[in-house]
PDB file of N, CA and C in Angstrom:
ATOM      1  N   UNK A   1       3.409   2.591   3.247  1.00  0.00           N
ATOM      2  CA  UNK A   1       4.837   2.295   4.004  1.00  0.00           C
ATOM      3  C   UNK A   1       5.877   3.108   3.297  1.00  0.00           C
ATOM      4  N   UNK A   2       5.651   3.466   2.175  1.00  0.00           N
ATOM      5  CA  UNK A   2       6.711   4.321   1.598  1.00  0.00           C
ATOM      6  C   UNK A   2       6.864   5.558   2.077  1.00  0.00           C
ATOM      7  N   UNK A   3       5.653   6.256   2.589  1.00  0.00           N
ATOM      8  CA  UNK A   3       5.535   7.563   3.315  1.00  0.00           C
ATOM      9  C   UNK A   3       6.034   7.324   4.612  1.00  0.00           C
ATOM     10  N   UNK A   4       5.537   6.372   5.361  1.00  0.00           N
ATOM     11  CA  UNK A   4       5.802   6.365   6.658  1.00  0.00           C
ATOM     12  C   UNK A   4       7.295   6.028   7.101  1.00  0.00           C
ATOM     13  N   UNK A   5       7.743   4.996   6.362  1.00  0.00           N
ATOM     14  CA  UNK A   5       9.120   4.617   6.639  1.00  0.00           C
ATOM     15  C   UNK A   5      10.110   5.135   5.700  1.00  0.00           C
ATOM     16  N   UNK A   6       9.844   5.530   4.544  1.00  0.00           N
ATOM     17  CA  UNK A   6      10.837   6.025   3.512  1.00  0.00           C
ATOM     18  C   UNK A   6      10.714   7.412   3.225  1.00  0.00           C
ATOM     19  N   UNK A   7       9.762   8.081   3.721  1.00  0.00           N
ATOM     20  CA  UNK A   7       9.691   9.422   3.557  1.00  0.00           C
ATOM     21  C   UNK A   7       9.219   9.931   2.053  1.00  0.00           C
ATOM     22  N   UNK A   8       8.498   9.026   1.373  1.00  0.00           N
ATOM     23  CA  UNK A   8       8.013   9.190   0.023  1.00  0.00           C
ATOM     24  C   UNK A   8       6.584   9.850  -0.160  1.00  0.00           C
ATOM     25  N   UNK A   9       6.498  10.688  -0.894  1.00  0.00           N
ATOM     26  CA  UNK A   9       5.106  11.237  -1.002  1.00  0.00           C
ATOM     27  C   UNK A   9       4.337  10.124  -1.919  1.00  0.00           C
ATOM     28  N   UNK A  10       2.986  10.504  -2.075  1.00  0.00           N
ATOM     29  CA  UNK A  10       2.210   9.441  -2.906  1.00  0.00           C
ATOM     30  C   UNK A  10       2.541   9.700  -4.413  1.00  0.00           C
ATOM     31  N   UNK A  11       2.714  10.905  -4.507  1.00  0.00           N
ATOM     32  CA  UNK A  11       3.428  11.301  -5.889  1.00  0.00           C
ATOM     33  C   UNK A  11       4.601  10.563  -6.288  1.00  0.00           C
ATOM     34  N   UNK A  12       5.550  10.514  -5.576  1.00  0.00           N
ATOM     35  CA  UNK A  12       6.766   9.796  -5.754  1.00  0.00           C
ATOM     36  C   UNK A  12       6.548   8.409  -5.806  1.00  0.00           C
ATOM     37  N   UNK A  13       5.729   7.792  -5.002  1.00  0.00           N
ATOM     38  CA  UNK A  13       5.356   6.295  -4.988  1.00  0.00           C
ATOM     39  C   UNK A  13       4.763   5.919  -6.351  1.00  0.00           C
ATOM     40  N   UNK A  14       3.638   6.557  -6.786  1.00  0.00           N
ATOM     41  CA  UNK A  14       3.114   6.435  -7.812  1.00  0.00           C
ATOM     42  C   UNK A  14       3.949   6.472  -9.269  1.00  0.00           C
ATOM     43  N   UNK A  15       4.853   7.605  -9.252  1.00  0.00           N
ATOM     44  CA  UNK A  15       5.851   7.722 -10.321  1.00  0.00           C
ATOM     45  C   UNK A  15       6.940   6.674 -10.295  1.00  0.00           C
ATOM     46  N   UNK A  16       7.213   6.021  -9.344  1.00  0.00           N
ATOM     47  CA  UNK A  16       8.320   4.947  -9.204  1.00  0.00           C
ATOM     48  C   UNK A  16       7.585   3.426  -9.571  1.00  0.00           C
ATOM     49  N   UNK A  17       6.266   3.408  -9.478  1.00  0.00           N
ATOM     50  CA  UNK A  17       5.436   2.330  -9.673  1.00  0.00           C
ATOM     51  C   UNK A  17       5.906   1.363 -10.909  1.00  0.00           C
ATOM     52  N   UNK A  18       6.005   1.976 -12.090  1.00  0.00           N
ATOM     53  CA  UNK A  18       6.411   1.114 -13.325  1.00  0.00           C
ATOM     54  C   UNK A  18       7.662   0.466 -13.089  1.00  0.00           C
ATOM     55  N   UNK A  19       8.608   1.002 -12.450  1.00  0.00           N
ATOM     56  CA  UNK A  19       9.853   0.319 -12.109  1.00  0.00           C
ATOM     57  C   UNK A  19       9.676  -0.832 -11.163  1.00  0.00           C
ATOM     58  N   UNK A  20       8.988  -0.784 -10.124  1.00  0.00           N
ATOM     59  CA  UNK A  20       8.515  -1.850  -9.257  1.00  0.00           C
ATOM     60  C   UNK A  20       7.837  -2.978  -9.841  1.00  0.00           C
ATOM     61  N   UNK A  21       6.795  -2.593 -10.805  1.00  0.00           N
ATOM     62  CA  UNK A  21       6.337  -3.571 -11.566  1.00  0.00           C
ATOM     63  C   UNK A  21       7.189  -4.327 -12.490  1.00  0.00           C
ATOM     64  N   UNK A  22       8.229  -3.601 -13.234  1.00  0.00           N
ATOM     65  CA  UNK A  22       9.221  -4.201 -13.987  1.00  0.00           C
ATOM     66  C   UNK A  22       9.928  -5.214 -13.126  1.00  0.00           C
ATOM     67  N   UNK A  23      10.445  -4.695 -11.896  1.00  0.00           N
ATOM     68  CA  UNK A  23      11.148  -5.724 -10.995  1.00  0.00           C
ATOM     69  C   UNK A  23      10.384  -6.922 -10.629  1.00  0.00           C
ATOM     70  N   UNK A  24       8.994  -6.800 -10.422  1.00  0.00           N
ATOM     71  CA  UNK A  24       8.358  -7.967 -10.090  1.00  0.00           C
ATOM     72  C   UNK A  24       8.185  -8.936 -11.314  1.00  0.00           C
ATOM     73  N   UNK A  25       7.996  -8.296 -12.495  1.00  0.00           N
ATOM     74  CA  UNK A  25       7.945  -9.065 -13.793  1.00  0.00           C
ATOM     75  C   UNK A  25       9.343  -9.879 -13.999  1.00  0.00           C
ATOM     76  N   UNK A  26      10.265  -9.270 -13.655  1.00  0.00           N
ATOM     77  CA  UNK A  26      11.555 -10.104 -13.857  1.00  0.00           C
ATOM     78  C   UNK A  26      12.026 -10.807 -12.772  1.00  0.00           C
ATOM     79  N   UNK A  27      11.951 -10.602 -11.566  1.00  0.00           N
ATOM     80  CA  UNK A  27      12.371 -11.291 -10.544  1.00  0.00           C
ATOM     81  C   UNK A  27      11.447 -12.130  -9.643  1.00  0.00           C
ATOM     82  N   UNK A  28      10.240 -11.970  -9.743  1.00  0.00           N
ATOM     83  CA  UNK A  28       9.236 -12.643  -8.864  1.00  0.00           C
ATOM     84  C   UNK A  28       8.344 -13.439  -9.686  1.00  0.00           C
ATOM     85  N   UNK A  29       7.659 -12.899 -10.709  1.00  0.00           N
ATOM     86  CA  UNK A  29       6.494 -13.673 -11.293  1.00  0.00           C
ATOM     87  C   UNK A  29       7.304 -15.011 -11.978  1.00  0.00           C
ATOM     88  N   UNK A  30       8.200 -15.013 -12.599  1.00  0.00           N
ATOM     89  CA  UNK A  30       8.849 -16.175 -13.336  1.00  0.00           C
ATOM     90  C   UNK A  30       8.999 -17.314 -12.481  1.00  0.00           C
ATOM     91  N   UNK A  31       9.300 -16.790 -11.096  1.00  0.00           N
ATOM     92  CA  UNK A  31       9.721 -17.986 -10.364  1.00  0.00           C
ATOM     93  C   UNK A  31       8.694 -18.294  -9.068  1.00  0.00           C
ATOM     94  N   UNK A  32       7.549 -17.667  -9.083  1.00  0.00           N
ATOM     95  CA  UNK A  32       6.651 -17.880  -8.054  1.00  0.00           C
ATOM     96  C   UNK A  32       6.060 -19.282  -8.117  1.00  0.00           C
ATOM     97  N   UNK A  33       5.666 -19.925  -9.353  1.00  0.00           N
ATOM     98  CA  UNK A  33       5.335 -21.239  -9.269  1.00  0.00           C
ATOM     99  C   UNK A  33       6.282 -22.236  -8.693  1.00  0.00           C
ATOM    100  N   UNK A  34       7.344 -22.059  -8.603  1.00  0.00           N
ATOM    101  CA  UNK A  34       8.726 -22.767  -8.115  1.00  0.00           C
ATOM    102  C   UNK A  34       8.707 -22.920  -6.635  1.00  0.00           C
ATOM    103  N   UNK A  35       7.840 -21.851  -5.976  1.00  0.00           N
ATOM    104  CA  UNK A  35       7.959 -21.745  -4.525  1.00  0.00           C
ATOM    105  C   UNK A  35       7.418 -23.168  -3.892  1.00  0.00           C
ATOM    106  N   UNK A  36       7.826 -23.474  -2.813  1.00  0.00           N
ATOM    107  CA  UNK A  36       7.334 -24.564  -1.972  1.00  0.00           C
ATOM    108  C   UNK A  36       5.958 -24.295  -1.583  1.00  0.00           C
ATOM    109  N   UNK A  37       5.794 -23.232  -0.922  1.00  0.00           N
ATOM    110  CA  UNK A  37       4.423 -22.848  -0.540  1.00  0.00           C
ATOM    111  C   UNK A  37       4.113 -21.231  -1.019  1.00  0.00           C
ATOM    112  N   UNK A  38       2.992 -21.078  -1.293  1.00  0.00           N
ATOM    113  CA  UNK A  38       2.258 -19.774  -1.588  1.00  0.00           C
ATOM    114  C   UNK A  38       0.938 -19.515  -0.764  1.00  0.00           C
ATOM    115  N   UNK A  39       0.850 -18.537  -0.348  1.00  0.00           N
ATOM    116  CA  UNK A  39      -0.403 -18.102   0.534  1.00  0.00           C
ATOM    117  C   UNK A  39      -0.787 -16.609   0.260  1.00  0.00           C
ATOM    118  N   UNK A  40      -2.191 -16.425   0.407  1.00  0.00           N
ATOM    119  CA  UNK A  40      -2.643 -15.259   0.063  1.00  0.00           C
ATOM    120  C   UNK A  40      -2.760 -14.535   1.534  1.00  0.00           C
ATOM    121  N   UNK A  41      -1.951 -13.404   1.835  1.00  0.00           N
ATOM    122  CA  UNK A  41      -1.944 -12.707   3.239  1.00  0.00           C
ATOM    123  C   UNK A  41      -2.863 -11.697   3.206  1.00  0.00           C
ATOM    124  N   UNK A  42      -3.782 -11.304   2.094  1.00  0.00           N
ATOM    125  CA  UNK A  42      -4.716 -10.303   2.285  1.00  0.00           C
ATOM    126  C   UNK A  42      -5.706 -10.376   3.292  1.00  0.00           C
ATOM    127  N   UNK A  43      -5.869  -9.243   4.023  1.00  0.00           N
ATOM    128  CA  UNK A  43      -7.023  -9.318   5.077  1.00  0.00           C
ATOM    129  C   UNK A  43      -8.302  -8.578   4.588  1.00  0.00           C
ATOM    130  N   UNK A  44      -9.530  -8.920   4.796  1.00  0.00           N
ATOM    131  CA  UNK A  44     -10.624  -8.557   4.483  1.00  0.00           C
ATOM    132  C   UNK A  44     -10.722  -7.060   4.764  1.00  0.00           C
ATOM    133  N   UNK A  45     -10.127  -6.562   5.910  1.00  0.00           N
ATOM    134  CA  UNK A  45     -10.375  -5.244   6.443  1.00  0.00           C
ATOM    135  C   UNK A  45      -9.184  -4.135   6.027  1.00  0.00           C
ATOM    136  N   UNK A  46      -8.145  -4.797   5.281  1.00  0.00           N
ATOM    137  CA  UNK A  46      -7.059  -4.009   5.080  1.00  0.00           C
ATOM    138  C   UNK A  46      -7.131  -2.555   4.389  1.00  0.00           C
ATOM    139  N   UNK A  47      -8.077  -2.586   3.389  1.00  0.00           N
ATOM    140  CA  UNK A  47      -8.403  -1.529   2.623  1.00  0.00           C
ATOM    141  C   UNK A  47      -9.063  -0.346   3.611  1.00  0.00           C
ATOM    142  N   UNK A  48      -9.828  -0.758   4.640  1.00  0.00           N
ATOM    143  CA  UNK A  48     -10.631   0.059   5.481  1.00  0.00           C
ATOM    144  C   UNK A  48      -9.509   0.784   6.414  1.00  0.00           C
ATOM    145  N   UNK A  49      -8.572   0.089   6.668  1.00  0.00           N
ATOM    146  CA  UNK A  49      -7.469   0.534   7.625  1.00  0.00           C
ATOM    147  C   UNK A  49      -6.510   1.478   6.645  1.00  0.00           C
ATOM    148  N   UNK A  50      -6.148   1.041   5.715  1.00  0.00           N
ATOM    149  CA  UNK A  50      -5.168   1.869   4.967  1.00  0.00           C
ATOM    150  C   UNK A  50      -5.805   3.187   4.249  1.00  0.00           C
ATOM    151  N   UNK A  51      -7.155   3.065   4.205  1.00  0.00           N
ATOM    152  CA  UNK A  51      -7.886   4.357   3.789  1.00  0.00           C
ATOM    153  C   UNK A  51      -7.372   5.582   4.516  1.00  0.00           C
ATOM    154  N   UNK A  52      -7.500   5.369   5.838  1.00  0.00           N
ATOM    155  CA  UNK A  52      -7.126   6.759   6.736  1.00  0.00           C
ATOM    156  C   UNK A  52      -5.821   7.101   6.461  1.00  0.00           C
ATOM    157  N   UNK A  53      -4.771   6.276   6.069  1.00  0.00           N
ATOM    158  CA  UNK A  53      -3.328   6.826   5.825  1.00  0.00           C
ATOM    159  C   UNK A  53      -3.283   7.168   4.374  1.00  0.00           C
ATOM    160  N   UNK A  54      -3.913   6.574   3.448  1.00  0.00           N
ATOM    161  CA  UNK A  54      -3.771   6.767   2.008  1.00  0.00           C
ATOM    162  C   UNK A  54      -4.412   8.132   1.531  1.00  0.00           C
ATOM    163  N   UNK A  55      -5.723   8.231   1.883  1.00  0.00           N
ATOM    164  CA  UNK A  55      -6.527   9.327   1.406  1.00  0.00           C
ATOM    165  C   UNK A  55      -5.714  10.883   1.528  1.00  0.00           C
ATOM    166  N   UNK A  56      -5.253  11.060   2.732  1.00  0.00           N
ATOM    167  CA  UNK A  56      -4.651  12.411   2.805  1.00  0.00           C
ATOM    168  C   UNK A  56      -3.298  12.461   2.087  1.00  0.00           C
ATOM    169  N   UNK A  57      -2.625  11.365   1.771  1.00  0.00           N
ATOM    170  CA  UNK A  57      -1.507  11.277   0.840  1.00  0.00           C
ATOM    171  C   UNK A  57      -1.954  11.632  -0.682  1.00  0.00           C
ATOM    172  N   UNK A  58      -2.767  10.945  -0.977  1.00  0.00           N
ATOM    173  CA  UNK A  58      -3.370  10.838  -2.431  1.00  0.00           C
ATOM    174  C   UNK A  58      -3.833  12.091  -2.940  1.00  0.00           C
ATOM    175  N   UNK A  59      -4.553  13.018  -2.013  1.00  0.00           N
ATOM    176  CA  UNK A  59      -4.982  14.244  -2.425  1.00  0.00           C
ATOM    177  C   UNK A  59      -4.121  15.287  -2.621  1.00  0.00           C
ATOM    178  N   UNK A  60      -2.871  14.994  -2.136  1.00  0.00           N
ATOM    179  CA  UNK A  60      -1.575  15.915  -2.319  1.00  0.00           C
ATOM    180  C   UNK A  60      -0.924  15.714  -3.659  1.00  0.00           C
ATOM    181  N   UNK A  61      -1.426  14.744  -4.486  1.00  0.00           N
ATOM    182  CA  UNK A  61      -0.710  14.581  -5.637  1.00  0.00           C
ATOM    183  C   UNK A  61      -1.197  15.647  -6.631  1.00  0.00           C
ATOM    184  N   UNK A  62      -0.367  16.676  -7.290  1.00  0.00           N
ATOM    185  CA  UNK A  62      -0.831  17.814  -8.080  1.00  0.00           C
ATOM    186  C   UNK A  62      -1.534  17.293  -9.218  1.00  0.00           C
ATOM    187  N   UNK A  63      -2.665  18.150  -9.400  1.00  0.00           N
ATOM    188  CA  UNK A  63      -3.541  17.714 -10.544  1.00  0.00           C
ATOM    189  C   UNK A  63      -2.985  17.919 -11.755  1.00  0.00           C
ATOM    190  N   UNK A  64      -1.878  18.636 -12.059  1.00  0.00           N
ATOM    191  CA  UNK A  64      -1.268  18.671 -13.262  1.00  0.00           C
ATOM    192  C   UNK A  64      -0.112  17.623 -13.588  1.00  0.00           C
ATOM    193  N   UNK A  65       0.014  16.672 -12.591  1.00  0.00           N
ATOM    194  CA  UNK A  65       0.994  15.622 -12.674  1.00  0.00           C
ATOM    195  C   UNK A  65       0.324  14.563 -13.382  1.00  0.00           C
ATOM    196  N   UNK A  66       1.182  13.888 -14.354  1.00  0.00           N
ATOM    197  CA  UNK A  66       0.696  12.585 -14.792  1.00  0.00           C
ATOM    198  C   UNK A  66       0.056  11.461 -13.839  1.00  0.00           C
ATOM    199  N   UNK A  67       0.755  11.542 -12.780  1.00  0.00           N
ATOM    200  CA  UNK A  67       0.348  10.564 -11.847  1.00  0.00           C
ATOM    201  C   UNK A  67      -0.957  10.997 -11.004  1.00  0.00           C
ATOM    202  N   UNK A  68      -1.684  12.082 -11.407  1.00  0.00           N
ATOM    203  CA  UNK A  68      -2.864  12.505 -10.696  1.00  0.00           C
ATOM    204  C   UNK A  68      -3.985  11.458 -11.104  1.00  0.00           C
ATOM    205  N   UNK A  69      -3.779  10.969 -12.234  1.00  0.00           N
ATOM    206  CA  UNK A  69      -4.835   9.894 -12.815  1.00  0.00           C
ATOM    207  C   UNK A  69      -5.017   8.980 -11.965  1.00  0.00           C
ATOM    208  N   UNK A  70      -3.857   8.413 -11.676  1.00  0.00           N
ATOM    209  CA  UNK A  70      -3.704   7.150 -10.955  1.00  0.00           C
ATOM    210  C   UNK A  70      -4.304   7.519  -9.396  1.00  0.00           C
ATOM    211  N   UNK A  71      -3.622   8.609  -9.017  1.00  0.00           N
ATOM    212  CA  UNK A  71      -4.238   8.902  -7.581  1.00  0.00           C
ATOM    213  C   UNK A  71      -5.743   9.096  -7.372  1.00  0.00           C
ATOM    214  N   UNK A  72      -6.294   9.674  -8.618  1.00  0.00           N
ATOM    215  CA  UNK A  72      -7.656   9.801  -8.435  1.00  0.00           C
ATOM    216  C   UNK A  72      -8.394   8.389  -8.502  1.00  0.00           C
ATOM    217  N   UNK A  73      -7.768   7.599  -9.233  1.00  0.00           N
ATOM    218  CA  UNK A  73      -8.511   6.298  -9.394  1.00  0.00           C
ATOM    219  C   UNK A  73      -8.276   5.461  -8.031  1.00  0.00           C
ATOM    220  N   UNK A  74      -7.282   5.736  -7.442  1.00  0.00           N
ATOM    221  CA  UNK A  74      -7.043   4.981  -6.047  1.00  0.00           C
ATOM    222  C   UNK A  74      -7.984   5.638  -5.017  1.00  0.00           C
ATOM    223  N   UNK A  75      -8.311   7.069  -5.024  1.00  0.00           N
ATOM    224  CA  UNK A  75      -9.248   7.769  -4.263  1.00  0.00           C
ATOM    225  C   UNK A  75     -10.590   7.279  -4.519  1.00  0.00           C
ATOM    226  N   UNK A  76     -11.075   7.084  -5.612  1.00  0.00           N
ATOM    227  CA  UNK A  76     -12.379   6.612  -6.000  1.00  0.00           C
ATOM    228  C   UNK A  76     -12.484   5.061  -5.567  1.00  0.00           C
ATOM    229  N   UNK A  77     -11.544   4.267  -5.677  1.00  0.00           N
ATOM    230  CA  UNK A  77     -11.605   3.006  -5.079  1.00  0.00           C
ATOM    231  C   UNK A  77     -11.817   2.893  -3.430  1.00  0.00           C
ATOM    232  N   UNK A  78     -11.118   3.772  -2.903  1.00  0.00           N
ATOM    233  CA  UNK A  78     -11.257   3.866  -1.330  1.00  0.00           C
ATOM    234  C   UNK A  78     -12.618   4.452  -1.034  1.00  0.00           C
ATOM    235  N   UNK A  79     -13.262   5.043  -1.732  1.00  0.00           N
ATOM    236  CA  UNK A  79     -14.621   5.543  -1.503  1.00  0.00           C
ATOM    237  C   UNK A  79     -15.605   4.338  -1.103  1.00  0.00           C
ATOM    238  N   UNK A  80     -15.353   3.111  -1.597  1.00  0.00           N
ATOM    239  CA  UNK A  80     -16.144   2.116  -1.508  1.00  0.00           C
ATOM    240  C   UNK A  80     -15.947   1.457  -0.058  1.00  0.00           C
ATOM    241  N   UNK A  81     -14.973   1.755   0.742  1.00  0.00           N
ATOM    242  CA  UNK A  81     -14.693   1.384   1.945  1.00  0.00           C
ATOM    243  C   UNK A  81     -14.867   2.480   3.302  1.00  0.00           C
ATOM    244  N   UNK A  82     -15.563   1.773   4.148  1.00  0.00           N
ATOM    245  CA  UNK A  82     -15.819   2.573   5.568  1.00  0.00           C
ATOM    246  C   UNK A  82     -14.252   2.532   6.185  1.00  0.00           C
ATOM    247  N   UNK A  83     -13.956   3.692   6.884  1.00  0.00           N
ATOM    248  CA  UNK A  83     -12.615   3.719   7.314  1.00  0.00           C
ATOM    249  C   UNK A  83     -12.579   2.927   8.644  1.00  0.00           C
ATOM    250  N   UNK A  84     -11.660   2.286   9.255  1.00  0.00           N
ATOM    251  CA  UNK A  84     -11.412   1.617  10.343  1.00  0.00           C
ATOM    252  C   UNK A  84     -10.567   2.608  11.137  1.00  0.00           C
ATOM    253  N   UNK A  85     -10.945   3.386  11.957  1.00  0.00           N
ATOM    254  CA  UNK A  85      -9.900   4.376  12.715  1.00  0.00           C
ATOM    255  C   UNK A  85      -9.307   4.008  13.917  1.00  0.00           C
ATOM    256  N   UNK A  86      -9.783   2.879  14.532  1.00  0.00           N
ATOM    257  CA  UNK A  86      -9.183   2.403  15.926  1.00  0.00           C
ATOM    258  C   UNK A  86      -8.174   1.436  15.366  1.00  0.00           C
ATOM    259  N   UNK A  87      -7.084   1.845  15.031  1.00  0.00           N
ATOM    260  CA  UNK A  87      -5.847   0.864  14.831  1.00  0.00           C
ATOM    261  C   UNK A  87      -5.414   0.242  15.876  1.00  0.00           C
ATOM    262  N   UNK A  88      -5.840   0.599  17.139  1.00  0.00           N
ATOM    263  CA  UNK A  88      -5.325  -0.068  17.854  1.00  0.00           C
ATOM    264  C   UNK A  88      -5.860  -1.707  18.173  1.00  0.00           C
ATOM    265  N   UNK A  89      -6.832  -1.933  17.306  1.00  0.00           N
ATOM    266  CA  UNK A  89      -7.350  -3.247  17.307  1.00  0.00           C
ATOM    267  C   UNK A  89      -6.600  -3.936  16.391  1.00  0.00           C
ATOM    268  N   UNK A  90      -5.630  -3.636  15.730  1.00  0.00           N
ATOM    269  CA  UNK A  90      -4.859  -4.289  14.624  1.00  0.00           C
ATOM    270  C   UNK A  90      -3.779  -4.917  15.529  1.00  0.00           C
ATOM    271  N   UNK A  91      -3.681  -6.295  15.536  1.00  0.00           N
ATOM    272  CA  UNK A  91      -2.647  -6.886  16.395  1.00  0.00           C
ATOM    273  C   UNK A  91      -1.363  -6.538  15.871  1.00  0.00           C
ATOM    274  N   UNK A  92      -0.309  -6.479  16.808  1.00  0.00           N
ATOM    275  CA  UNK A  92       1.005  -6.027  16.577  1.00  0.00           C
ATOM    276  C   UNK A  92       1.864  -6.906  15.852  1.00  0.00           C
ATOM    277  N   UNK A  93       1.246  -8.166  15.624  1.00  0.00           N
ATOM    278  CA  UNK A  93       2.031  -9.230  14.807  1.00  0.00           C
ATOM    279  C   UNK A  93       1.326  -9.293  13.373  1.00  0.00           C
ATOM    280  N   UNK A  94       0.390  -8.386  13.050  1.00  0.00           N
ATOM    281  CA  UNK A  94      -0.591  -8.493  11.853  1.00  0.00           C
ATOM    282  C   UNK A  94       0.353  -7.883  10.709  1.00  0.00           C
ATOM    283  N   UNK A  95       0.514  -8.668   9.456  1.00  0.00           N
ATOM    284  CA  UNK A  95       1.444  -8.157   8.274  1.00  0.00           C
ATOM    285  C   UNK A  95       0.923  -6.795   8.029  1.00  0.00           C
ATOM    286  N   UNK A  96      -0.292  -6.334   8.435  1.00  0.00           N
ATOM    287  CA  UNK A  96      -0.662  -4.997   8.145  1.00  0.00           C
ATOM    288  C   UNK A  96       0.156  -3.826   8.833  1.00  0.00           C
ATOM    289  N   UNK A  97       0.647  -4.362   9.989  1.00  0.00           N
ATOM    290  CA  UNK A  97       1.420  -3.289  10.725  1.00  0.00           C
ATOM    291  C   UNK A  97       2.647  -3.226  10.033  1.00  0.00           C
ATOM    292  N   UNK A  98       3.101  -3.783   9.027  1.00  0.00           N
ATOM    293  CA  UNK A  98       4.437  -3.555   8.229  1.00  0.00           C
ATOM    294  C   UNK A  98       4.202  -2.148   7.377  1.00  0.00           C
ATOM    295  N   UNK A  99       2.941  -1.874   7.102  1.00  0.00           N
ATOM    296  CA  UNK A  99       2.439  -0.874   6.514  1.00  0.00           C
ATOM    297  C   UNK A  99       2.000   0.535   7.416  1.00  0.00           C
ATOM    298  N   UNK A 100       1.410   0.267   8.497  1.00  0.00           N
ATOM    299  CA  UNK A 100       0.865   1.241   9.493  1.00  0.00           C
ATOM    300  C   UNK A 100       1.724   1.410  10.627  1.00  0.00           C
ATOM    301  N   UNK A 101       2.750   0.651  11.027  1.00  0.00           N
ATOM    302  CA  UNK A 101       3.728   1.114  12.106  1.00  0.00           C
ATOM    303  C   UNK A 101       3.350   0.127  13.336  1.00  0.00           C
ATOM    304  N   UNK A 102       4.154   0.130  14.094  1.00  0.00           N
ATOM    305  CA  UNK A 102       3.966  -0.394  15.545  1.00  0.00           C
ATOM    306  C   UNK A 102       3.835  -2.133  15.466  1.00  0.00           C
ATOM    307  N   UNK A 103       4.606  -2.594  14.464  1.00  0.00           N
ATOM    308  CA  UNK A 103       4.848  -4.013  14.528  1.00  0.00           C
ATOM    309  C   UNK A 103       5.690  -4.566  15.453  1.00  0.00           C
ATOM    310  N   UNK A 104       5.436  -5.843  15.865  1.00  0.00           N
ATOM    311  CA  UNK A 104       6.548  -6.322  16.715  1.00  0.00           C
ATOM    312  C   UNK A 104       7.672  -6.964  15.881  1.00  0.00           C
ATOM    313  N   UNK A 105       7.585  -6.882  14.557  1.00  0.00           N
ATOM    314  CA  UNK A 105       8.673  -7.418  13.720  1.00  0.00           C
ATOM    315  C   UNK A 105       9.665  -6.268  13.329  1.00  0.00           C
ATOM    316  N   UNK A 106      10.833  -6.426  13.196  1.00  0.00           N
ATOM    317  CA  UNK A 106      11.837  -5.424  12.710  1.00  0.00           C
ATOM    318  C   UNK A 106      12.218  -5.544  11.145  1.00  0.00           C
ATOM    319  N   UNK A 107      12.063  -4.502  10.591  1.00  0.00           N
ATOM    320  CA  UNK A 107      12.424  -4.426   9.225  1.00  0.00           C
ATOM    321  C   UNK A 107      13.551  -3.708   8.818  1.00  0.00           C
TER     322      UNK A 107
END
């Protein structure tokens, strides 16, 4: 999503990840148990779909950058998944569309 909608490279996204985690730890995790409802929106097939988008970006992280180790870890994780290349099968109302585009929802 950072690449598709914000123009960030995988390198830039990985570099800012510690700040994202700090924000979650400060503003989300302390309050999540107070929510009226919580649900897991993970989809069984999401990593197979995201694989085709993520791999080309992750291989562009410079091998001399500190973020390369994380890019390599993510690439190795994605090796466990077969790619789903026909994204037309992903419903336009799927939360996964927030990351791959063509959602019916406006952000």
